[in-house]
Amino acid sequence: MSGIRQNEYPAGAAVVVRYPKKMTFEIQLDQQNEEMIYLPYLRINYRERTSTYIKNTDAGADIEFGTYYISSTEKFWTTAMAIWYSLLALLVLIVVSKMQMHLTKPVLSQD
């Protein structure tokens, strides 16, 4: 309806057609309240085409729709780093103990 000229409204033909080119639905988790979300947000980018262009071409319009779930990953990375450093320390202990056993192993003489 926004593409119809004011003096021809409501029966006039649309001069311009506006349509959503890209829509993004964003949902963010509330870290303070478990299993709660903030108010969802719909972001819409519009595109315009003239009715003449639409009539003269048979090209379709590409429309994108995406959904994003946003959450903090701070807890995950803290846990992952703790596990990583624990495994690294264990590996160092194993290597040091293997080296110690190898260096203190008695040498057998072949007489």
Protein backbone atom coordinates (compact mmCIF):
# COMPACT_ATOMS: atom_id res chain seq x y z
CA MET A 1 0.00 0.00 0.00
CA SER A 2 2.92 2.34 0.55
CA GLY A 3 3.76 2.12 -3.17
CA ILE A 4 0.38 3.55 -4.31
CA ARG A 5 0.23 7.26 -5.13
CA GLN A 6 -1.72 9.29 -2.58
CA ASN A 7 -4.31 10.63 -5.04
CA GLU A 8 -4.95 7.08 -6.40
CA TYR A 9 -5.30 5.33 -3.02
CA PRO A 10 -6.80 2.72 -2.41
CA ALA A 11 -7.76 1.54 -5.90
CA GLY A 12 -4.59 2.60 -7.74
CA ALA A 13 -1.82 0.32 -8.92
CA ALA A 14 1.43 0.20 -6.97
CA VAL A 15 4.27 2.17 -8.56
CA VAL A 16 6.82 0.67 -6.20
CA VAL A 17 6.70 -2.67 -4.44
CA ARG A 18 8.50 -2.92 -1.11
CA TYR A 19 9.33 -6.33 0.26
CA PRO A 20 11.56 -7.71 3.02
CA LYS A 21 14.93 -8.57 1.47
CA LYS A 22 16.55 -9.93 4.63
CA MET A 23 14.96 -10.87 7.95
CA THR A 24 16.93 -11.80 11.03
CA PHE A 25 15.27 -13.13 14.17
CA GLU A 26 17.53 -12.72 17.20
CA ILE A 27 17.00 -14.47 20.52
CA GLN A 28 19.34 -13.82 23.45
CA LEU A 29 19.47 -15.92 26.59
CA ASP A 30 19.20 -14.12 29.92
CA GLN A 31 22.23 -15.21 31.95
CA GLN A 32 20.74 -13.96 35.22
CA ASN A 33 17.53 -16.02 35.04
CA GLU A 34 17.84 -19.67 34.15
CA GLU A 35 15.90 -20.83 31.08
CA MET A 36 14.72 -17.31 30.30
CA ILE A 37 15.21 -15.14 27.22
CA TYR A 38 15.20 -11.43 26.55
CA LEU A 39 12.52 -9.98 24.30
CA PRO A 40 13.12 -11.44 20.79
CA TYR A 41 14.14 -8.97 18.09
CA LEU A 42 13.19 -9.10 14.40
CA ARG A 43 15.48 -7.08 12.13
CA ILE A 44 14.07 -6.42 8.63
CA ASN A 45 15.91 -4.91 5.64
CA TYR A 46 13.57 -3.87 2.85
CA ARG A 47 14.11 -3.56 -0.88
CA GLU A 48 12.08 -1.69 -3.46
CA ARG A 49 11.34 -2.52 -7.07
CA THR A 50 9.26 -0.57 -9.50
CA SER A 51 6.20 -2.23 -10.99
CA THR A 52 7.69 -1.58 -14.47
CA TYR A 53 10.82 -3.55 -13.57
CA ILE A 54 8.71 -6.40 -12.22
CA LYS A 55 6.59 -6.54 -15.38
CA ASN A 56 9.57 -6.38 -17.78
CA THR A 57 11.68 -9.04 -16.08
CA ASP A 58 10.87 -12.50 -14.90
CA ALA A 59 13.68 -12.53 -12.35
CA GLY A 60 12.67 -13.66 -8.90
CA ALA A 61 13.62 -11.93 -5.70
CA ASP A 62 16.11 -13.53 -3.35
CA ILE A 63 14.97 -13.33 0.25
CA GLU A 64 17.07 -14.34 3.26
CA PHE A 65 15.81 -15.40 6.66
CA GLY A 66 18.10 -16.19 9.56
CA THR A 67 17.67 -17.05 13.21
CA TYR A 68 20.37 -16.32 15.76
CA TYR A 69 20.49 -17.65 19.29
CA ILE A 70 22.88 -15.57 21.36
CA SER A 71 24.33 -16.88 24.60
CA SER A 72 27.43 -16.23 26.64
CA THR A 73 30.12 -18.89 26.26
CA GLU A 74 32.21 -17.68 29.20
CA LYS A 75 31.39 -20.72 31.40
CA PHE A 76 32.24 -23.12 28.59
CA TRP A 77 35.64 -21.55 27.87
CA THR A 78 36.54 -21.36 31.57
CA THR A 79 35.79 -25.08 31.96
CA ALA A 80 37.56 -25.96 28.69
CA MET A 81 40.70 -24.07 29.71
CA ALA A 82 40.73 -25.76 33.14
CA ILE A 83 40.49 -29.19 31.51
CA TRP A 84 43.16 -28.24 28.95
CA TYR A 85 45.66 -27.11 31.60
CA SER A 86 44.93 -30.18 33.75
CA LEU A 87 45.61 -32.50 30.83
CA LEU A 88 48.74 -30.54 29.93
CA ALA A 89 50.03 -30.85 33.52
CA LEU A 90 49.29 -34.60 33.47
CA LEU A 91 51.19 -34.95 30.19
CA VAL A 92 54.19 -33.10 31.62
CA LEU A 93 54.17 -35.37 34.70
CA ILE A 94 54.06 -38.48 32.53
CA VAL A 95 56.92 -37.26 30.35
CA VAL A 96 59.06 -36.30 33.39
CA SER A 97 58.44 -39.65 35.10
CA LYS A 98 59.24 -41.57 31.89
CA MET A 99 62.46 -39.58 31.47
CA GLN A 100 63.37 -40.20 35.12
CA MET A 101 62.82 -43.95 34.78
CA HIS A 102 64.80 -44.04 31.54
CA LEU A 103 67.75 -42.12 32.99
CA THR A 104 67.93 -44.11 36.25
CA LYS A 105 67.58 -47.51 34.64
CA PRO A 106 70.65 -49.62 35.32
CA VAL A 107 72.70 -50.55 32.32
CA LEU A 108 73.22 -54.29 31.90
CA SER A 109 76.70 -55.24 30.88
CA GLN A 110 77.19 -58.03 28.38
CA ASP A 111 80.24 -59.96 29.59
